[in-house]
């Protein structure tokens, strides 16, 4: 049986919009280098503020 990882062991980043730290998620496993925003809300807010 595989050893489980603790949440603190996963990498984290800082959201470029809100400045909050966010953790790695399994759905981002293939594109973690390209992830910049912690949520869809921050991604939408970033596009609105650049207009």
C-alpha atoms as a PDB file:
ATOM      1  CA  UNK A   1       0.000   0.000   0.000  1.00  0.00           C
ATOM      2  CA  UNK A   2       1.301   3.461  -0.915  1.00  0.00           C
ATOM      3  CA  UNK A   3       2.279   5.888   1.798  1.00  0.00           C
ATOM      4  CA  UNK A   4      -0.044   8.889   1.950  1.00  0.00           C
ATOM      5  CA  UNK A   5       1.400  12.391   1.702  1.00  0.00           C
ATOM      6  CA  UNK A   6       0.497  15.119   4.129  1.00  0.00           C
ATOM      7  CA  UNK A   7      -1.028  18.325   2.808  1.00  0.00           C
ATOM      8  CA  UNK A   8       2.010  20.259   4.001  1.00  0.00           C
ATOM      9  CA  UNK A   9       4.238  18.140   1.727  1.00  0.00           C
ATOM     10  CA  UNK A  10       2.599  19.392  -1.478  1.00  0.00           C
ATOM     11  CA  UNK A  11       4.076  22.403  -3.307  1.00  0.00           C
ATOM     12  CA  UNK A  12       2.377  25.766  -3.058  1.00  0.00           C
ATOM     13  CA  UNK A  13       2.288  29.036  -4.997  1.00  0.00           C
ATOM     14  CA  UNK A  14       1.057  32.588  -4.461  1.00  0.00           C
ATOM     15  CA  UNK A  15      -1.935  33.768  -6.524  1.00  0.00           C
ATOM     16  CA  UNK A  16      -0.976  36.722  -8.759  1.00  0.00           C
ATOM     17  CA  UNK A  17      -4.379  38.397  -8.223  1.00  0.00           C
ATOM     18  CA  UNK A  18      -5.255  38.035  -4.534  1.00  0.00           C
ATOM     19  CA  UNK A  19      -1.792  37.259  -3.150  1.00  0.00           C
ATOM     20  CA  UNK A  20      -2.955  34.254  -1.136  1.00  0.00           C
ATOM     21  CA  UNK A  21      -1.017  31.001  -1.054  1.00  0.00           C
ATOM     22  CA  UNK A  22      -2.634  27.948  -2.631  1.00  0.00           C
ATOM     23  CA  UNK A  23      -1.699  24.274  -2.654  1.00  0.00           C
ATOM     24  CA  UNK A  24      -1.084  21.823  -5.486  1.00  0.00           C
ATOM     25  CA  UNK A  25      -4.184  19.914  -6.610  1.00  0.00           C
ATOM     26  CA  UNK A  26      -4.383  16.612  -8.418  1.00  0.00           C
ATOM     27  CA  UNK A  27      -6.234  18.192 -11.354  1.00  0.00           C
ATOM     28  CA  UNK A  28      -3.203  20.467 -11.872  1.00  0.00           C
ATOM     29  CA  UNK A  29      -0.721  17.579 -11.962  1.00  0.00           C
ATOM     30  CA  UNK A  30      -0.035  17.951 -15.704  1.00  0.00           C
ATOM     31  CA  UNK A  31       0.062  21.760 -15.823  1.00  0.00           C
ATOM     32  CA  UNK A  32       1.370  22.911 -12.424  1.00  0.00           C
ATOM     33  CA  UNK A  33       4.030  25.146 -14.017  1.00  0.00           C
ATOM     34  CA  UNK A  34       1.362  27.148 -15.903  1.00  0.00           C
ATOM     35  CA  UNK A  35      -1.021  27.610 -12.940  1.00  0.00           C
ATOM     36  CA  UNK A  36      -1.077  31.266 -11.803  1.00  0.00           C
ATOM     37  CA  UNK A  37      -4.461  31.729 -10.147  1.00  0.00           C
ATOM     38  CA  UNK A  38      -5.936  30.061  -7.071  1.00  0.00           C
ATOM     39  CA  UNK A  39      -9.494  29.963  -8.436  1.00  0.00           C
ATOM     40  CA  UNK A  40     -11.724  30.697 -11.409  1.00  0.00           C
ATOM     41  CA  UNK A  41     -12.832  33.868  -9.660  1.00  0.00           C
ATOM     42  CA  UNK A  42      -9.268  35.216  -9.565  1.00  0.00           C
ATOM     43  CA  UNK A  43      -8.740  34.255 -13.203  1.00  0.00           C
ATOM     44  CA  UNK A  44     -11.844  36.253 -14.191  1.00  0.00           C
ATOM     45  CA  UNK A  45     -10.854  39.214 -12.014  1.00  0.00           C
ATOM     46  CA  UNK A  46      -7.399  39.325 -13.638  1.00  0.00           C
ATOM     47  CA  UNK A  47      -8.872  39.570 -17.128  1.00  0.00           C
ATOM     48  CA  UNK A  48     -11.285  42.313 -16.065  1.00  0.00           C
ATOM     49  CA  UNK A  49      -8.619  44.476 -14.435  1.00  0.00           C
ATOM     50  CA  UNK A  50      -6.356  44.422 -17.500  1.00  0.00           C
ATOM     51  CA  UNK A  51      -8.950  46.086 -19.753  1.00  0.00           C
END
